[in-house]
Protein backbone atom coordinates (compact mmCIF):
# COMPACT_ATOMS: atom_id res chain seq x y z
CA UNK A 1 129.11 83.51 82.37
CA UNK A 2 129.68 86.15 79.66
CA UNK A 3 133.00 87.96 79.44
CA UNK A 4 133.37 90.83 81.86
CA UNK A 5 134.52 93.72 79.74
CA UNK A 6 136.37 96.62 81.36
CA UNK A 7 135.00 100.10 81.37
CA UNK A 8 137.14 102.81 79.81
CA UNK A 9 137.88 104.58 83.10
CA UNK A 10 141.52 103.56 83.47
CA UNK A 11 142.80 103.68 79.90
CA UNK A 12 142.21 107.35 79.09
CA UNK A 13 145.87 108.33 79.42
CA UNK A 14 144.87 111.27 81.62
CA UNK A 15 145.91 111.43 85.24
CA UNK A 16 143.40 109.84 87.55
CA UNK A 17 140.92 112.20 89.17
CA UNK A 18 138.93 109.54 91.04
CA UNK A 19 140.60 107.68 93.86
CA UNK A 20 139.95 103.97 93.91
CA UNK A 21 138.71 102.57 97.22
CA UNK A 22 139.81 98.92 96.87
CA UNK A 23 141.94 96.63 94.75
CA UNK A 24 140.88 93.00 94.50
CA UNK A 25 143.79 90.74 93.54
CA UNK A 26 143.07 87.02 93.59
CA UNK A 27 145.50 84.36 92.49
CA UNK A 28 143.68 81.55 90.74
CA UNK A 29 145.15 78.16 89.89
CA UNK A 30 144.08 75.06 88.02
CA UNK A 31 145.66 71.71 87.23
CA UNK A 32 147.54 71.92 83.93
CA UNK A 33 147.18 68.36 82.67
CA UNK A 34 144.40 67.65 82.23
CA UNK A 35 143.21 71.25 82.44
CA UNK A 36 140.83 71.62 85.37
CA UNK A 37 138.60 74.35 86.73
CA UNK A 38 140.10 77.58 88.01
CA UNK A 39 140.04 77.96 91.80
CA UNK A 40 140.96 80.92 93.99
CA UNK A 41 144.15 80.07 95.85
CA UNK A 42 145.05 83.38 97.52
CA UNK A 43 143.78 86.90 97.98
CA UNK A 44 146.41 89.63 98.03
CA UNK A 45 146.01 92.96 99.82
CA UNK A 46 147.23 96.33 98.64
CA UNK A 47 146.95 99.67 100.49
CA UNK A 48 147.41 101.83 97.35
CA UNK A 49 144.82 100.78 94.74
CA UNK A 50 145.00 103.95 92.63
CA UNK A 51 148.79 103.81 92.34
CA UNK A 52 148.58 100.09 91.48
CA UNK A 53 146.02 100.79 88.75
CA UNK A 54 148.36 103.42 87.33
CA UNK A 55 151.22 100.91 87.43
CA UNK A 56 149.14 98.36 85.52
CA UNK A 57 148.33 101.04 82.95
CA UNK A 58 151.98 102.10 82.57
CA UNK A 59 153.02 98.45 82.10
CA UNK A 60 150.36 97.88 79.44
CA UNK A 61 148.51 95.36 81.63
CA UNK A 62 145.39 97.37 82.55
CA UNK A 63 141.82 96.95 81.35
CA UNK A 64 142.19 93.62 79.58
CA UNK A 65 138.91 92.33 80.96
CA UNK A 66 138.25 89.02 82.65
CA UNK A 67 137.94 85.73 80.78
CA UNK A 68 134.70 83.79 80.79
CA UNK A 69 136.20 80.90 82.76
CA UNK A 70 136.67 82.57 86.15
CA UNK A 71 136.62 80.35 89.21
CA UNK A 72 133.53 80.19 91.43
CA UNK A 73 135.01 82.34 94.23
CA UNK A 74 136.03 85.16 91.87
CA UNK A 75 132.71 85.04 90.01
CA UNK A 76 130.83 85.19 93.32
CA UNK A 77 132.91 88.12 94.61
CA UNK A 78 132.17 90.07 91.42
CA UNK A 79 128.48 89.13 91.35
CA UNK A 80 127.82 90.26 94.91
CA UNK A 81 129.97 93.41 94.86
CA UNK A 82 127.90 96.48 95.70
CA UNK A 83 130.49 99.03 94.59
CA UNK A 84 131.35 100.36 91.14
CA UNK A 85 133.68 97.75 89.57
CA UNK A 86 136.32 99.08 87.20
CA UNK A 87 139.71 98.13 85.78
CA UNK A 88 139.14 94.39 85.31
CA UNK A 89 142.28 92.65 84.12
CA UNK A 90 144.26 89.41 84.21
CA UNK A 91 148.02 89.23 84.79
CA UNK A 92 149.96 86.02 84.17
CA UNK A 93 153.09 85.18 86.22
CA UNK A 94 155.61 86.02 83.43
CA UNK A 95 154.02 89.49 83.17
CA UNK A 96 154.34 90.42 86.86
CA UNK A 97 157.98 91.64 86.61
CA UNK A 98 156.89 94.19 83.96
CA UNK A 99 155.03 96.02 86.74
CA UNK A 100 158.09 96.51 88.96
CA UNK A 101 159.42 99.73 87.34
CA UNK A 102 155.97 101.32 87.61
CA UNK A 103 155.23 100.93 91.34
CA UNK A 104 156.70 102.10 94.63
CA UNK A 105 159.17 100.07 96.70
CA UNK A 106 156.54 98.58 99.04
CA UNK A 107 154.44 97.42 96.09
CA UNK A 108 157.53 95.99 94.39
CA UNK A 109 158.09 93.76 97.44
CA UNK A 110 154.49 92.56 97.26
CA UNK A 111 154.73 91.91 93.53
CA UNK A 112 157.92 89.90 93.99
CA UNK A 113 156.17 87.77 96.63
CA UNK A 114 153.07 87.31 94.45
CA UNK A 115 155.30 86.35 91.54
CA UNK A 116 157.17 83.77 93.65
CA UNK A 117 153.84 82.34 94.84
CA UNK A 118 152.47 82.03 91.30
CA UNK A 119 155.72 80.56 89.95
CA UNK A 120 155.70 77.97 92.76
CA UNK A 121 152.19 76.93 91.68
CA UNK A 122 153.36 76.64 88.09
CA UNK A 123 156.39 74.58 89.14
CA UNK A 124 154.01 72.09 90.76
CA UNK A 125 152.07 71.54 87.51
CA UNK A 126 149.41 74.22 87.96
CA UNK A 127 148.44 77.14 85.74
CA UNK A 128 148.29 80.41 87.68
CA UNK A 129 146.99 83.92 87.07
CA UNK A 130 146.15 87.08 88.97
CA UNK A 131 142.57 88.24 88.53
CA UNK A 132 142.35 91.95 89.34
CA UNK A 133 139.61 94.53 89.62
CA UNK A 134 139.04 97.78 91.47
CA UNK A 135 136.16 99.38 93.34
CA UNK A 136 135.49 103.10 93.10
């Protein structure tokens, strides 16, 4: 599967004029040694996708695109999405705390839980990452 490159909708630096309808946040994991295939382990929900996209942007984590080695579940979700996909990015567990100053209190609690989940996977010999995209 070719790399999924982000559009330029979220990195303009201007305040957002289009509200985002959905945020897709999937935690993928794979065995570290030997490196295995990525698999979706959890899907996280977020009621404020536009604010989260702005937080990613402020933290320098927005619009990094998706790698070519996405797991089957994530690839399928993207392939069969009918909406306008935007803001594709990947966030690794050590990067999650960088988002905390850029989001509201409720989202901070979620991020701390997502971070703990991903770190627990890593502690058990797995690689972990958050695969994120938005629907307009």
